[in-house]
Amino acid sequence: MFVVLAVLGLALSLDLLVGEPPTRAHPVAWFGRLIDALDREWHEDARIQRLVGVAIAIVVALVPAGVAFGAVLVASAGHPAAGAVVAAVVLFLSISLQSLLELTAHVVRATDGDLETAREDVRGLVGRDASTLTPAEIRSGAVESAGENLADGLVATLLAFAVLAPLSLPAGAGAAAWVKGVNTLDSMLGYPQKPIGTGSARLDDIVMWLPARITAVAIAAAATDPLALRRAGEWARAPPSPNSGWPMATLACALGVRLTKPGVYDLNTGHALPTVADGDRAVRLVGMAAVVAVAIAVALAVGVSQVGETVSMQRGPLVSVFEVSR
């Protein structure tokens, strides 16, 4: 258990101190190039394209998982400490918190006096066309993304790691990398106009169901406003995604602001779009929610470890009795 906690601590420290590695050196970017190479018309029949997409979602997401599992396994065979360091690096590369908070804060502040920069840089957070958005709508997009990406970029991978790492460190690292792979596939392929991305989008919906809702709980807890979660239930199903609405709506209700994607959804209507001050509050709240999420992951890892120890202790006497009876 100490090793798992040390890995979590090192990975989060690297994220805070280093942030995102350069794109050319980031394994997620390398994985993105693999996905880009597969993103083509394999067949003119949309149904066959969807079937190919399902195969891509299932098989390709296993690539980063297999690499991570193998790297930690080989390093651990050399020395347990080396395995722990490699696992921490894998987890670090699978999460993204500091860069998310920094970019969100940068875009929010740029809307006050440097609108062109805000419109350019918000593309690192949202996929919508920002050329006609007002400053308040740009801030809304940045705040929405901070809530949604807290689930994608931190909570989901931490939970996957916390469930398996106490039982097997290589499996925990592989699970974190697999979740990151699923998220990346969805972000690159999971658009309605892409039949090849249907499988990736559906897999991401399944994988993110629980992390999105735990993220909403973390946001409400960080805001010390548990009723925000209840109020968010009215708006959480407004976005097309079955998951992203929960952290976004909870963040909107906790902040007391309206968040909108013009022509697609409106969350917490009856309130004003976020001001610069609201955007700054959102960054702080997401940061505090991340701390809550880390605490949840640690508690989960401890619980899994204790269950594993209990099962091992019970199995021992049973094995002994079985051997005697033989």
Protein backbone atom coordinates (compact mmCIF):
# COMPACT_ATOMS: atom_id res chain seq x y z
CA MET A 1 0.00 0.00 0.00
CA PHE A 2 2.88 2.36 0.77
CA VAL A 3 4.22 1.84 -2.76
CA VAL A 4 0.84 2.72 -4.30
CA LEU A 5 0.60 5.92 -2.26
CA ALA A 6 4.19 6.81 -3.15
CA VAL A 7 3.41 6.32 -6.85
CA LEU A 8 0.34 8.56 -6.57
CA GLY A 9 2.34 11.22 -4.76
CA LEU A 10 5.19 11.19 -7.27
CA ALA A 11 2.85 11.30 -10.28
CA LEU A 12 0.88 14.24 -8.90
CA SER A 13 4.08 16.05 -7.92
CA LEU A 14 5.42 15.65 -11.45
CA ASP A 15 2.19 17.07 -12.84
CA LEU A 16 2.42 20.11 -10.56
CA LEU A 17 6.13 20.70 -11.14
CA VAL A 18 6.54 19.72 -14.79
CA GLY A 19 3.08 20.05 -16.32
CA GLU A 20 2.61 18.74 -19.84
CA PRO A 21 5.78 17.40 -21.51
CA PRO A 22 6.55 18.86 -24.97
CA THR A 23 4.25 17.45 -27.64
CA ARG A 24 7.11 15.85 -29.56
CA ALA A 25 8.11 13.91 -26.44
CA HIS A 26 4.64 13.04 -25.15
CA PRO A 27 3.53 9.42 -25.58
CA VAL A 28 -0.09 10.58 -25.82
CA ALA A 29 0.87 12.61 -28.89
CA TRP A 30 2.55 9.53 -30.37
CA PHE A 31 -0.63 7.58 -29.70
CA GLY A 32 -2.58 10.36 -31.38
CA ARG A 33 -0.52 9.92 -34.53
CA LEU A 34 -1.42 6.23 -34.54
CA ILE A 35 -5.11 7.11 -34.26
CA ASP A 36 -4.75 9.72 -37.00
CA ALA A 37 -3.30 7.08 -39.32
CA LEU A 38 -6.34 4.86 -38.69
CA ASP A 39 -8.83 7.68 -39.18
CA ARG A 40 -9.69 7.12 -42.82
CA GLU A 41 -12.40 5.62 -44.98
CA TRP A 42 -11.81 1.90 -44.82
CA HIS A 43 -15.04 1.17 -46.70
CA GLU A 44 -17.71 3.25 -48.40
CA ASP A 45 -20.45 1.48 -46.42
CA ALA A 46 -21.06 3.41 -43.17
CA ARG A 47 -22.08 0.21 -41.35
CA ILE A 48 -18.74 -1.41 -42.14
CA GLN A 49 -16.98 1.80 -41.12
CA ARG A 50 -18.71 1.54 -37.74
CA LEU A 51 -17.64 -2.10 -37.36
CA VAL A 52 -14.04 -1.12 -38.15
CA GLY A 53 -14.40 1.64 -35.58
CA VAL A 54 -15.50 -0.85 -32.94
CA ALA A 55 -12.41 -2.96 -33.64
CA ILE A 56 -10.22 0.13 -33.42
CA ALA A 57 -11.78 1.13 -30.08
CA ILE A 58 -11.26 -2.33 -28.60
CA VAL A 59 -7.80 -3.13 -29.95
CA VAL A 60 -6.05 0.23 -30.19
CA ALA A 61 -6.84 1.27 -26.61
CA LEU A 62 -4.93 -1.83 -25.52
CA VAL A 63 -1.71 -0.52 -27.09
CA PRO A 64 -0.87 2.06 -24.39
CA ALA A 65 -2.18 -0.32 -21.74
CA GLY A 66 0.12 -3.10 -22.93
CA VAL A 67 3.13 -0.81 -23.16
CA ALA A 68 2.53 0.57 -19.67
CA PHE A 69 1.93 -2.88 -18.16
CA GLY A 70 5.07 -4.29 -19.79
CA ALA A 71 7.27 -1.34 -18.83
CA VAL A 72 6.31 -1.52 -15.16
CA LEU A 73 6.59 -5.32 -15.12
CA VAL A 74 10.10 -5.28 -16.63
CA ALA A 75 11.25 -2.45 -14.36
CA SER A 76 9.85 -4.22 -11.28
CA ALA A 77 11.72 -7.38 -12.20
CA GLY A 78 14.93 -5.38 -12.03
CA HIS A 79 14.10 -3.63 -8.75
CA PRO A 80 10.77 -2.86 -7.01
CA ALA A 81 11.73 0.81 -6.67
CA ALA A 82 12.34 1.04 -10.41
CA GLY A 83 8.90 -0.43 -11.05
CA ALA A 84 7.33 2.16 -8.76
CA VAL A 85 9.12 5.02 -10.56
CA VAL A 86 8.04 3.78 -13.98
CA ALA A 87 4.46 3.38 -12.73
CA ALA A 88 4.55 6.97 -11.45
CA VAL A 89 5.77 8.21 -14.83
CA VAL A 90 2.98 6.29 -16.58
CA LEU A 91 0.39 7.80 -14.24
CA PHE A 92 1.91 11.27 -14.68
CA LEU A 93 1.64 10.94 -18.46
CA SER A 94 -1.97 9.77 -18.11
CA ILE A 95 -3.19 12.75 -16.07
CA SER A 96 -3.40 16.43 -16.82
CA LEU A 97 -4.35 18.89 -14.09
CA GLN A 98 -1.83 21.70 -13.85
CA SER A 99 -1.86 22.47 -17.57
CA LEU A 100 -5.68 22.40 -17.56
CA LEU A 101 -5.87 24.93 -14.72
CA GLU A 102 -3.19 27.15 -16.24
CA LEU A 103 -4.78 27.24 -19.69
CA THR A 104 -8.24 27.86 -18.26
CA ALA A 105 -6.96 30.76 -16.17
CA HIS A 106 -5.05 32.17 -19.16
CA VAL A 107 -8.10 32.08 -21.46
CA VAL A 108 -10.39 33.60 -18.82
CA ARG A 109 -8.02 36.53 -18.25
CA ALA A 110 -7.38 37.01 -21.97
CA THR A 111 -11.10 37.68 -22.51
CA ASP A 112 -10.57 40.94 -20.65
CA GLY A 113 -8.65 42.97 -23.23
CA ASP A 114 -7.13 40.41 -25.61
CA LEU A 115 -10.11 38.75 -27.25
CA GLU A 116 -8.24 37.40 -30.28
CA THR A 117 -5.78 35.57 -28.03
CA ALA A 118 -8.68 34.19 -26.01
CA ARG A 119 -10.40 32.96 -29.17
CA GLU A 120 -7.19 31.34 -30.40
CA ASP A 121 -6.16 29.70 -27.15
CA VAL A 122 -9.60 28.44 -26.09
CA ARG A 123 -9.26 25.93 -28.93
CA GLY A 124 -6.92 24.04 -26.61
CA LEU A 125 -9.92 23.50 -24.32
CA VAL A 126 -13.01 23.22 -26.56
CA GLY A 127 -13.72 22.05 -30.08
CA ARG A 128 -16.33 24.68 -30.94
CA ASP A 129 -15.81 27.56 -33.37
CA ALA A 130 -14.81 30.52 -31.19
CA SER A 131 -14.61 33.13 -33.97
CA THR A 132 -18.04 34.58 -33.20
CA LEU A 133 -18.22 33.93 -29.46
CA THR A 134 -18.54 36.81 -27.03
CA PRO A 135 -16.01 37.15 -24.18
CA ALA A 136 -18.57 35.71 -21.76
CA GLU A 137 -19.25 32.74 -24.06
CA ILE A 138 -15.52 32.07 -24.33
CA ARG A 139 -15.25 32.12 -20.54
CA SER A 140 -18.21 29.74 -20.39
CA GLY A 141 -16.45 27.32 -22.74
CA ALA A 142 -13.27 27.47 -20.68
CA VAL A 143 -15.11 26.83 -17.40
CA GLU A 144 -17.15 23.98 -18.92
CA SER A 145 -13.96 22.38 -20.19
CA ALA A 146 -12.29 22.67 -16.79
CA GLY A 147 -15.12 20.70 -15.20
CA GLU A 148 -15.37 18.09 -17.95
CA ASN A 149 -11.62 17.59 -18.27
CA LEU A 150 -11.22 17.20 -14.53
CA ALA A 151 -13.16 13.96 -15.04
CA ASP A 152 -11.32 12.93 -18.23
CA GLY A 153 -7.85 14.14 -17.36
CA LEU A 154 -7.57 13.21 -13.70
CA VAL A 155 -10.42 11.42 -11.95
CA ALA A 156 -10.93 8.56 -14.42
CA THR A 157 -7.28 7.56 -14.55
CA LEU A 158 -6.79 7.92 -10.80
CA LEU A 159 -9.77 5.68 -10.08
CA ALA A 160 -8.59 3.02 -12.55
CA PHE A 161 -5.14 3.05 -10.97
CA ALA A 162 -6.52 2.99 -7.42
CA VAL A 163 -8.67 -0.08 -8.10
CA LEU A 164 -5.93 -2.29 -9.57
CA ALA A 165 -2.59 -0.97 -8.30
CA PRO A 166 -2.97 -2.37 -4.75
CA LEU A 167 -3.38 -5.81 -6.33
CA SER A 168 -0.83 -5.41 -9.13
CA LEU A 169 1.24 -2.31 -9.85
CA PRO A 170 1.71 -3.19 -13.56
CA ALA A 171 -2.06 -3.75 -13.88
CA GLY A 172 -2.76 -0.40 -12.21
CA ALA A 173 -0.44 1.41 -14.60
CA GLY A 174 -1.94 -0.47 -17.55
CA ALA A 175 -5.47 0.46 -16.46
CA ALA A 176 -4.58 4.16 -16.19
CA ALA A 177 -3.00 4.10 -19.66
CA TRP A 178 -6.00 2.23 -21.08
CA VAL A 179 -8.42 4.86 -19.77
CA LYS A 180 -6.23 7.59 -21.27
CA GLY A 181 -6.24 5.69 -24.54
CA VAL A 182 -10.04 5.44 -24.54
CA ASN A 183 -10.35 9.17 -23.82
CA THR A 184 -7.91 10.02 -26.62
CA LEU A 185 -9.73 7.82 -29.11
CA ASP A 186 -13.01 9.51 -28.25
CA SER A 187 -11.55 13.02 -28.48
CA MET A 188 -10.14 12.31 -31.94
CA LEU A 189 -12.76 10.03 -33.48
CA GLY A 190 -15.94 10.33 -31.43
CA TYR A 191 -17.86 12.81 -33.56
CA PRO A 192 -21.41 12.19 -34.89
CA GLN A 193 -20.28 12.72 -38.48
CA LYS A 194 -17.60 10.02 -38.17
CA PRO A 195 -19.03 6.48 -38.39
CA ILE A 196 -15.56 5.16 -37.57
CA GLY A 197 -15.72 6.91 -34.22
CA THR A 198 -19.00 5.43 -33.00
CA GLY A 199 -17.28 2.57 -31.19
CA SER A 200 -14.81 4.90 -29.48
CA ALA A 201 -17.59 7.25 -28.37
CA ARG A 202 -19.68 4.42 -26.92
CA LEU A 203 -16.71 2.89 -25.11
CA ASP A 204 -15.84 6.28 -23.64
CA ASP A 205 -19.45 6.71 -22.49
CA ILE A 206 -19.21 3.43 -20.57
CA VAL A 207 -15.77 4.11 -19.10
CA MET A 208 -16.62 7.66 -18.01
CA TRP A 209 -20.04 6.96 -16.48
CA LEU A 210 -18.78 6.59 -12.91
CA PRO A 211 -15.81 9.02 -13.03
CA ALA A 212 -18.03 11.84 -14.33
CA ARG A 213 -20.42 11.44 -11.42
CA ILE A 214 -17.65 11.11 -8.85
CA THR A 215 -16.18 14.32 -10.29
CA ALA A 216 -19.53 16.03 -9.74
CA VAL A 217 -19.50 14.83 -6.13
CA ALA A 218 -15.93 16.14 -5.72
CA ILE A 219 -16.91 19.56 -7.10
CA ALA A 220 -19.91 19.82 -4.77
CA ALA A 221 -17.77 18.73 -1.81
CA ALA A 222 -15.02 21.22 -2.67
CA ALA A 223 -17.62 23.98 -2.88
CA THR A 224 -19.08 22.83 0.49
CA ASP A 225 -22.42 22.91 -1.31
CA PRO A 226 -23.84 19.38 -1.42
CA LEU A 227 -27.14 20.71 -2.75
CA ALA A 228 -25.32 21.82 -5.90
CA LEU A 229 -25.34 18.18 -6.95
CA ARG A 230 -29.11 18.02 -6.54
CA ARG A 231 -29.62 21.27 -8.47
CA ALA A 232 -27.29 20.00 -11.20
CA GLY A 233 -29.60 17.04 -11.80
CA GLU A 234 -31.98 19.38 -13.58
CA TRP A 235 -29.34 20.31 -16.17
CA ALA A 236 -26.96 17.34 -16.31
CA ARG A 237 -28.81 15.63 -19.15
CA ALA A 238 -28.95 18.71 -21.36
CA PRO A 239 -25.61 18.07 -23.17
CA PRO A 240 -25.60 15.28 -25.79
CA SER A 241 -23.02 13.34 -23.78
CA PRO A 242 -24.50 11.11 -21.03
CA ASN A 243 -21.59 12.01 -18.75
CA SER A 244 -20.08 15.45 -19.33
CA GLY A 245 -23.21 17.24 -18.14
CA TRP A 246 -22.69 16.13 -14.55
CA PRO A 247 -19.39 17.88 -13.76
CA MET A 248 -20.31 20.88 -15.93
CA ALA A 249 -23.75 21.37 -14.41
CA THR A 250 -22.47 20.86 -10.86
CA LEU A 251 -19.75 23.43 -11.47
CA ALA A 252 -22.31 25.88 -12.88
CA CYS A 253 -24.61 25.43 -9.88
CA ALA A 254 -21.79 25.63 -7.34
CA LEU A 255 -20.52 28.87 -8.91
CA GLY A 256 -23.98 30.32 -9.51
CA VAL A 257 -23.33 30.97 -13.20
CA ARG A 258 -24.86 29.96 -16.51
CA LEU A 259 -22.78 27.83 -18.85
CA THR A 260 -23.71 27.46 -22.48
CA LYS A 261 -22.68 26.02 -25.80
CA PRO A 262 -24.72 28.12 -28.22
CA GLY A 263 -27.26 26.06 -30.09
CA VAL A 264 -26.46 22.88 -28.15
CA TYR A 265 -27.18 23.30 -24.42
CA ASP A 266 -27.78 25.81 -21.65
CA LEU A 267 -26.93 24.96 -18.04
CA ASN A 268 -28.24 26.72 -14.93
CA THR A 269 -30.32 29.19 -16.88
CA GLY A 270 -31.58 32.20 -14.96
CA HIS A 271 -28.02 33.12 -14.01
CA ALA A 272 -25.51 35.28 -15.88
CA LEU A 273 -22.64 33.91 -17.95
CA PRO A 274 -19.34 33.87 -16.03
CA THR A 275 -17.38 37.05 -15.45
CA VAL A 276 -13.58 37.09 -15.23
CA ALA A 277 -13.91 36.84 -11.45
CA ASP A 278 -16.23 33.85 -11.85
CA GLY A 279 -13.68 32.21 -14.15
CA ASP A 280 -10.96 32.68 -11.55
CA ARG A 281 -13.27 31.16 -8.91
CA ALA A 282 -13.91 28.22 -11.25
CA VAL A 283 -10.18 27.53 -11.58
CA ARG A 284 -9.77 27.54 -7.81
CA LEU A 285 -12.82 25.33 -7.30
CA VAL A 286 -11.68 22.78 -9.88
CA GLY A 287 -8.27 22.71 -8.19
CA MET A 288 -9.90 22.01 -4.81
CA ALA A 289 -12.15 19.38 -6.38
CA ALA A 290 -9.01 17.69 -7.69
CA VAL A 291 -7.73 17.45 -4.12
CA VAL A 292 -11.03 15.85 -3.08
CA ALA A 293 -10.77 13.42 -6.01
CA VAL A 294 -7.25 12.44 -4.96
CA ALA A 295 -8.53 11.77 -1.43
CA ILE A 296 -11.30 9.57 -2.89
CA ALA A 297 -8.73 7.65 -4.95
CA VAL A 298 -6.51 7.14 -1.90
CA ALA A 299 -9.47 5.90 0.16
CA LEU A 300 -10.42 3.54 -2.66
CA ALA A 301 -6.87 2.19 -2.91
CA VAL A 302 -6.74 1.62 0.85
CA GLY A 303 -10.09 -0.16 0.74
CA VAL A 304 -9.02 -2.42 -2.13
CA SER A 305 -5.77 -3.20 -0.31
CA GLN A 306 -7.60 -4.16 2.88
CA VAL A 307 -10.05 -6.34 0.99
CA GLY A 308 -7.14 -8.04 -0.77
CA GLU A 309 -5.39 -8.70 2.53
CA THR A 310 -8.59 -10.09 4.05
CA VAL A 311 -9.13 -12.43 1.13
CA SER A 312 -5.49 -13.59 1.33
CA MET A 313 -5.79 -14.29 5.04
CA GLN A 314 -8.99 -16.27 4.55
CA ARG A 315 -7.56 -18.19 1.63
CA GLY A 316 -4.54 -19.31 3.67
CA PRO A 317 -6.45 -21.41 6.23
CA LEU A 318 -8.68 -22.82 3.49
CA VAL A 319 -5.67 -23.92 1.49
CA SER A 320 -4.12 -25.50 4.58
CA VAL A 321 -7.29 -27.45 5.37
CA PHE A 322 -7.53 -28.59 1.75
CA GLU A 323 -3.93 -29.78 1.76
CA VAL A 324 -4.42 -31.68 5.08
CA SER A 325 -7.57 -33.35 3.79
CA ARG A 326 -5.65 -34.63 0.81
